[in-house]
Amino acid sequence: MMIDLSCQKCEASFEVDATDLIEGNERIKCPNCDAKVPQNLVDDLGNSLGEVCKAIAALRTKFQVSLALETDDLPPPYDVEEDEEEKEESDDEALLDSTDEDEEDEDADEGDEDEGEEMR
């Protein structure tokens, strides 16, 4: 079972063997520009493909299965573009930062009130 890949950097097309990914014997690297996928992502993909193959093997006694996945056709929440995902992450970080600052401001305000009561 082969997986077709197209490099986002140089647009070269190449294949990797899914069996080798499942067995952990494959790296994903563009043969044209040497762009690489981090090994932890390759391992996660191989493990996930192994689980999909296991489920399909269980189904094959009742059904014949054909599967095609394309990055442009992923269902939600996996359909988020990388730029949108980065924007959401930065929005989340900004929200977390503002929440931390608000808590610090509240703590400072409470400290001011305590000092005012002690002076009386």
N, C-alpha and C. Protein backbone atom coordinates (compact mmCIF):
# COMPACT_ATOMS: atom_id res chain seq x y z
N MET A 1 0.86 -1.17 0.00
CA MET A 1 0.00 0.00 0.00
C MET A 1 0.91 1.23 0.00
N MET A 2 0.78 2.02 -1.03
CA MET A 2 1.63 3.20 -1.18
C MET A 2 0.85 4.47 -0.85
N ILE A 3 1.55 5.43 -0.31
CA ILE A 3 0.98 6.74 -0.01
C ILE A 3 1.66 7.76 -0.91
N ASP A 4 0.86 8.50 -1.66
CA ASP A 4 1.37 9.54 -2.54
C ASP A 4 1.49 10.84 -1.77
N LEU A 5 2.64 11.49 -1.88
CA LEU A 5 2.89 12.76 -1.21
C LEU A 5 3.35 13.79 -2.23
N SER A 6 3.00 15.04 -1.99
CA SER A 6 3.50 16.16 -2.79
C SER A 6 4.11 17.16 -1.82
N CYS A 7 5.36 17.50 -2.06
CA CYS A 7 6.09 18.42 -1.19
C CYS A 7 5.49 19.82 -1.29
N GLN A 8 5.20 20.43 -0.15
CA GLN A 8 4.67 21.79 -0.12
C GLN A 8 5.73 22.82 -0.50
N LYS A 9 6.99 22.46 -0.30
CA LYS A 9 8.09 23.40 -0.55
C LYS A 9 8.44 23.47 -2.04
N CYS A 10 8.64 22.30 -2.68
CA CYS A 10 9.11 22.29 -4.07
C CYS A 10 8.11 21.67 -5.04
N GLU A 11 6.99 21.16 -4.51
CA GLU A 11 5.91 20.58 -5.29
C GLU A 11 6.27 19.25 -5.95
N ALA A 12 7.38 18.64 -5.57
CA ALA A 12 7.75 17.32 -6.11
C ALA A 12 6.80 16.26 -5.55
N SER A 13 6.48 15.26 -6.36
CA SER A 13 5.63 14.15 -5.92
C SER A 13 6.50 12.92 -5.68
N PHE A 14 6.15 12.16 -4.65
CA PHE A 14 6.87 10.93 -4.35
C PHE A 14 5.95 10.02 -3.54
N GLU A 15 6.37 8.77 -3.35
CA GLU A 15 5.57 7.79 -2.63
C GLU A 15 6.35 7.25 -1.45
N VAL A 16 5.61 6.84 -0.41
CA VAL A 16 6.20 6.09 0.70
C VAL A 16 5.34 4.84 0.90
N ASP A 17 5.96 3.79 1.34
CA ASP A 17 5.26 2.53 1.57
C ASP A 17 4.62 2.56 2.95
N ALA A 18 3.31 2.42 3.00
CA ALA A 18 2.59 2.47 4.28
C ALA A 18 3.05 1.36 5.21
N THR A 19 3.38 0.19 4.66
CA THR A 19 3.85 -0.92 5.49
C THR A 19 5.14 -0.54 6.21
N ASP A 20 6.03 0.13 5.50
CA ASP A 20 7.27 0.58 6.14
C ASP A 20 7.00 1.62 7.22
N LEU A 21 6.02 2.50 7.00
CA LEU A 21 5.65 3.47 8.03
C LEU A 21 5.11 2.76 9.27
N ILE A 22 4.23 1.78 9.04
CA ILE A 22 3.63 1.04 10.16
C ILE A 22 4.70 0.32 10.96
N GLU A 23 5.68 -0.24 10.27
CA GLU A 23 6.76 -0.98 10.95
C GLU A 23 7.83 -0.07 11.52
N GLY A 24 7.74 1.24 11.25
CA GLY A 24 8.71 2.19 11.77
C GLY A 24 10.02 2.21 11.00
N ASN A 25 9.99 1.71 9.76
CA ASN A 25 11.21 1.62 8.96
C ASN A 25 11.32 2.72 7.90
N GLU A 26 10.48 3.72 7.98
CA GLU A 26 10.43 4.73 6.93
C GLU A 26 10.51 6.12 7.52
N ARG A 27 11.23 6.99 6.84
CA ARG A 27 11.23 8.42 7.14
C ARG A 27 10.51 9.09 5.99
N ILE A 28 9.90 10.22 6.23
CA ILE A 28 9.27 10.96 5.14
C ILE A 28 10.18 12.14 4.82
N LYS A 29 10.77 12.07 3.62
CA LYS A 29 11.74 13.08 3.18
C LYS A 29 11.57 13.27 1.68
N CYS A 30 11.45 14.52 1.27
CA CYS A 30 11.33 14.83 -0.15
C CYS A 30 12.63 14.47 -0.86
N PRO A 31 12.55 13.66 -1.91
CA PRO A 31 13.77 13.29 -2.63
C PRO A 31 14.34 14.45 -3.46
N ASN A 32 13.55 15.49 -3.67
CA ASN A 32 13.99 16.61 -4.50
C ASN A 32 14.69 17.69 -3.68
N CYS A 33 14.06 18.13 -2.58
CA CYS A 33 14.62 19.26 -1.81
C CYS A 33 15.03 18.87 -0.39
N ASP A 34 14.86 17.61 -0.03
CA ASP A 34 15.24 17.09 1.30
C ASP A 34 14.40 17.64 2.45
N ALA A 35 13.21 18.21 2.16
CA ALA A 35 12.31 18.62 3.24
C ALA A 35 11.92 17.37 4.02
N LYS A 36 11.91 17.46 5.35
CA LYS A 36 11.66 16.30 6.19
C LYS A 36 10.48 16.54 7.12
N VAL A 37 9.81 15.45 7.47
CA VAL A 37 8.76 15.46 8.47
C VAL A 37 9.41 15.04 9.79
N PRO A 38 9.14 15.73 10.90
CA PRO A 38 9.71 15.31 12.18
C PRO A 38 9.36 13.85 12.49
N GLN A 39 10.32 13.13 13.03
CA GLN A 39 10.15 11.69 13.25
C GLN A 39 8.97 11.36 14.15
N ASN A 40 8.67 12.22 15.13
CA ASN A 40 7.53 11.93 16.01
C ASN A 40 6.22 11.94 15.21
N LEU A 41 6.11 12.80 14.20
CA LEU A 41 4.90 12.81 13.36
C LEU A 41 4.84 11.58 12.47
N VAL A 42 6.00 11.15 11.96
CA VAL A 42 6.06 9.93 11.14
C VAL A 42 5.64 8.73 11.99
N ASP A 43 6.12 8.66 13.22
CA ASP A 43 5.76 7.57 14.12
C ASP A 43 4.26 7.58 14.41
N ASP A 44 3.70 8.77 14.67
CA ASP A 44 2.26 8.88 14.93
C ASP A 44 1.46 8.42 13.72
N LEU A 45 1.89 8.82 12.53
CA LEU A 45 1.20 8.41 11.30
C LEU A 45 1.27 6.90 11.14
N GLY A 46 2.44 6.32 11.35
CA GLY A 46 2.59 4.86 11.24
C GLY A 46 1.71 4.13 12.23
N ASN A 47 1.66 4.60 13.47
CA ASN A 47 0.79 3.97 14.48
C ASN A 47 -0.68 4.07 14.09
N SER A 48 -1.08 5.23 13.59
CA SER A 48 -2.47 5.44 13.19
C SER A 48 -2.83 4.56 11.99
N LEU A 49 -1.91 4.46 11.04
CA LEU A 49 -2.16 3.59 9.88
C LEU A 49 -2.30 2.14 10.32
N GLY A 50 -1.50 1.74 11.30
CA GLY A 50 -1.61 0.38 11.84
C GLY A 50 -2.99 0.13 12.43
N GLU A 51 -3.52 1.11 13.16
CA GLU A 51 -4.86 0.98 13.75
C GLU A 51 -5.94 0.93 12.67
N VAL A 52 -5.79 1.74 11.62
CA VAL A 52 -6.75 1.72 10.52
C VAL A 52 -6.73 0.36 9.83
N CYS A 53 -5.53 -0.17 9.58
CA CYS A 53 -5.42 -1.49 8.94
C CYS A 53 -6.04 -2.58 9.80
N LYS A 54 -5.85 -2.49 11.10
CA LYS A 54 -6.43 -3.46 12.03
C LYS A 54 -7.97 -3.42 11.95
N ALA A 55 -8.54 -2.22 11.92
CA ALA A 55 -10.00 -2.08 11.83
C ALA A 55 -10.52 -2.58 10.49
N ILE A 56 -9.80 -2.29 9.41
CA ILE A 56 -10.22 -2.75 8.09
C ILE A 56 -10.14 -4.27 8.00
N ALA A 57 -9.12 -4.86 8.59
CA ALA A 57 -8.99 -6.31 8.59
C ALA A 57 -10.20 -6.96 9.28
N ALA A 58 -10.69 -6.34 10.33
CA ALA A 58 -11.86 -6.86 11.04
C ALA A 58 -13.13 -6.71 10.18
N LEU A 59 -13.20 -5.67 9.37
CA LEU A 59 -14.37 -5.44 8.52
C LEU A 59 -14.41 -6.34 7.29
N ARG A 60 -13.25 -6.80 6.84
CA ARG A 60 -13.20 -7.46 5.54
C ARG A 60 -13.97 -8.78 5.47
N THR A 61 -14.35 -9.34 6.60
CA THR A 61 -15.18 -10.55 6.54
C THR A 61 -16.60 -10.22 6.07
N LYS A 62 -17.03 -8.99 6.24
CA LYS A 62 -18.38 -8.56 5.85
C LYS A 62 -18.39 -7.56 4.69
N PHE A 63 -17.33 -6.75 4.58
CA PHE A 63 -17.33 -5.68 3.59
C PHE A 63 -15.96 -5.56 2.92
N GLN A 64 -15.99 -5.15 1.66
CA GLN A 64 -14.76 -4.77 0.98
C GLN A 64 -14.58 -3.28 1.22
N VAL A 65 -13.38 -2.87 1.57
CA VAL A 65 -13.12 -1.48 1.93
C VAL A 65 -12.15 -0.85 0.93
N SER A 66 -12.49 0.33 0.49
CA SER A 66 -11.59 1.15 -0.31
C SER A 66 -11.53 2.50 0.37
N LEU A 67 -10.33 3.05 0.53
CA LEU A 67 -10.16 4.27 1.31
C LEU A 67 -9.28 5.25 0.54
N ALA A 68 -9.74 6.48 0.47
CA ALA A 68 -8.93 7.55 -0.14
C ALA A 68 -9.03 8.78 0.77
N LEU A 69 -7.91 9.31 1.15
CA LEU A 69 -7.86 10.52 1.98
C LEU A 69 -6.99 11.55 1.28
N GLU A 70 -7.47 12.79 1.27
CA GLU A 70 -6.67 13.88 0.71
C GLU A 70 -6.70 15.04 1.69
N THR A 71 -5.60 15.73 1.81
CA THR A 71 -5.52 16.82 2.78
C THR A 71 -6.55 17.91 2.52
N ASP A 72 -6.93 18.10 1.26
CA ASP A 72 -7.93 19.13 0.94
C ASP A 72 -9.34 18.72 1.33
N ASP A 73 -9.56 17.43 1.61
CA ASP A 73 -10.90 16.93 1.91
C ASP A 73 -11.06 16.42 3.34
N LEU A 74 -10.20 16.85 4.25
CA LEU A 74 -10.30 16.39 5.63
C LEU A 74 -11.54 16.96 6.30
N PRO A 75 -12.22 16.15 7.14
CA PRO A 75 -13.40 16.66 7.84
C PRO A 75 -13.00 17.54 9.03
N PRO A 76 -13.94 18.35 9.51
CA PRO A 76 -13.65 19.15 10.70
C PRO A 76 -13.35 18.23 11.89
N PRO A 77 -12.54 18.54 12.79
CA PRO A 77 -11.77 19.77 12.97
C PRO A 77 -10.42 19.72 12.27
N TYR A 78 -10.18 18.68 11.46
CA TYR A 78 -8.88 18.49 10.82
C TYR A 78 -8.71 19.32 9.55
N ASP A 79 -9.75 20.03 9.14
CA ASP A 79 -9.71 20.79 7.89
C ASP A 79 -9.12 22.18 8.05
N VAL A 80 -8.64 22.52 9.23
CA VAL A 80 -8.08 23.85 9.49
C VAL A 80 -6.76 23.98 8.74
N GLU A 81 -6.64 25.07 7.99
CA GLU A 81 -5.39 25.35 7.28
C GLU A 81 -4.32 25.70 8.30
N GLU A 82 -3.07 25.49 7.96
CA GLU A 82 -1.96 25.74 8.87
C GLU A 82 -1.93 27.19 9.32
N ASP A 83 -2.17 28.14 8.40
CA ASP A 83 -2.17 29.56 8.77
C ASP A 83 -3.29 29.86 9.76
N GLU A 84 -4.48 29.26 9.52
CA GLU A 84 -5.59 29.47 10.45
C GLU A 84 -5.28 28.87 11.80
N GLU A 85 -4.64 27.70 11.80
CA GLU A 85 -4.30 27.02 13.04
C GLU A 85 -3.32 27.86 13.85
N GLU A 86 -2.30 28.42 13.17
CA GLU A 86 -1.33 29.27 13.86
C GLU A 86 -2.01 30.50 14.43
N LYS A 87 -2.97 31.09 13.69
CA LYS A 87 -3.69 32.26 14.17
C LYS A 87 -4.51 31.91 15.40
N GLU A 88 -5.19 30.74 15.35
CA GLU A 88 -5.99 30.32 16.51
C GLU A 88 -5.09 30.12 17.73
N GLU A 89 -3.91 29.50 17.53
CA GLU A 89 -3.00 29.28 18.64
C GLU A 89 -2.53 30.61 19.23
N SER A 90 -2.21 31.60 18.36
CA SER A 90 -1.75 32.89 18.87
C SER A 90 -2.90 33.62 19.57
N ASP A 91 -4.14 33.47 19.06
CA ASP A 91 -5.30 34.06 19.73
C ASP A 91 -5.49 33.43 21.12
N ASP A 92 -5.34 32.09 21.19
CA ASP A 92 -5.47 31.40 22.47
C ASP A 92 -4.40 31.87 23.44
N GLU A 93 -3.16 32.04 22.96
CA GLU A 93 -2.07 32.50 23.82
C GLU A 93 -2.34 33.91 24.30
N ALA A 94 -2.84 34.76 23.42
CA ALA A 94 -3.15 36.14 23.80
C ALA A 94 -4.24 36.16 24.86
N LEU A 95 -5.24 35.30 24.69
CA LEU A 95 -6.32 35.21 25.67
C LEU A 95 -5.79 34.75 27.01
N LEU A 96 -4.92 33.73 26.99
CA LEU A 96 -4.32 33.24 28.24
C LEU A 96 -3.48 34.32 28.90
N ASP A 97 -2.69 35.05 28.10
CA ASP A 97 -1.86 36.11 28.65
C ASP A 97 -2.71 37.21 29.29
N SER A 98 -3.81 37.60 28.62
CA SER A 98 -4.65 38.66 29.17
C SER A 98 -5.36 38.18 30.44
N THR A 99 -5.70 36.90 30.51
CA THR A 99 -6.33 36.36 31.71
C THR A 99 -5.36 36.40 32.88
N ASP A 100 -4.09 36.03 32.61
CA ASP A 100 -3.07 36.09 33.66
C ASP A 100 -2.86 37.51 34.15
N GLU A 101 -2.82 38.48 33.23
CA GLU A 101 -2.64 39.88 33.60
C GLU A 101 -3.82 40.39 34.41
N ASP A 102 -5.05 39.98 34.03
CA ASP A 102 -6.24 40.40 34.76
C ASP A 102 -6.20 39.88 36.19
N GLU A 103 -5.76 38.63 36.37
CA GLU A 103 -5.67 38.06 37.71
C GLU A 103 -4.64 38.81 38.54
N GLU A 104 -3.50 39.17 37.91
CA GLU A 104 -2.47 39.91 38.63
C GLU A 104 -2.99 41.28 39.05
N ASP A 105 -3.75 41.95 38.14
CA ASP A 105 -4.33 43.26 38.46
C ASP A 105 -5.31 43.14 39.63
N GLU A 106 -6.12 42.09 39.62
CA GLU A 106 -7.08 41.90 40.71
C GLU A 106 -6.35 41.68 42.02
N ASP A 107 -5.27 40.86 41.99
CA ASP A 107 -4.49 40.62 43.20
C ASP A 107 -3.88 41.92 43.71
N ALA A 108 -3.38 42.75 42.81
CA ALA A 108 -2.78 44.03 43.21
C ALA A 108 -3.84 44.94 43.81
N ASP A 109 -5.04 44.98 43.22
CA ASP A 109 -6.12 45.80 43.74
C ASP A 109 -6.52 45.34 45.14
N GLU A 110 -6.60 44.03 45.35
CA GLU A 110 -6.96 43.51 46.67
C GLU A 110 -5.90 43.90 47.69
N GLY A 111 -4.62 43.86 47.28
CA GLY A 111 -3.53 44.25 48.18
C GLY A 111 -3.65 45.71 48.57
N ASP A 112 -4.05 46.58 47.64
CA ASP A 112 -4.22 48.00 47.92
C ASP A 112 -5.34 48.20 48.93
N GLU A 113 -6.43 47.45 48.80
CA GLU A 113 -7.56 47.57 49.72
C GLU A 113 -7.13 47.13 51.11
N ASP A 114 -6.35 46.05 51.19
CA ASP A 114 -5.88 45.56 52.49
C ASP A 114 -5.00 46.60 53.17
N GLU A 115 -4.14 47.27 52.42
CA GLU A 115 -3.26 48.27 53.00
C GLU A 115 -4.08 49.45 53.51
N GLY A 116 -5.15 49.83 52.79
CA GLY A 116 -6.00 50.94 53.21
C GLY A 116 -6.70 50.62 54.52
N GLU A 117 -7.12 49.38 54.70
CA GLU A 117 -7.81 48.99 55.92
C GLU A 117 -6.84 48.99 57.10
N GLU A 118 -5.59 48.57 56.87
CA GLU A 118 -4.61 48.54 57.95
C GLU A 118 -4.26 49.94 58.42
N MET A 119 -4.29 50.93 57.56
CA MET A 119 -3.93 52.29 57.92
C MET A 119 -5.00 52.90 58.82
N ARG A 120 -6.22 52.47 58.72
CA ARG A 120 -7.30 53.06 59.52
C ARG A 120 -7.21 52.74 60.93
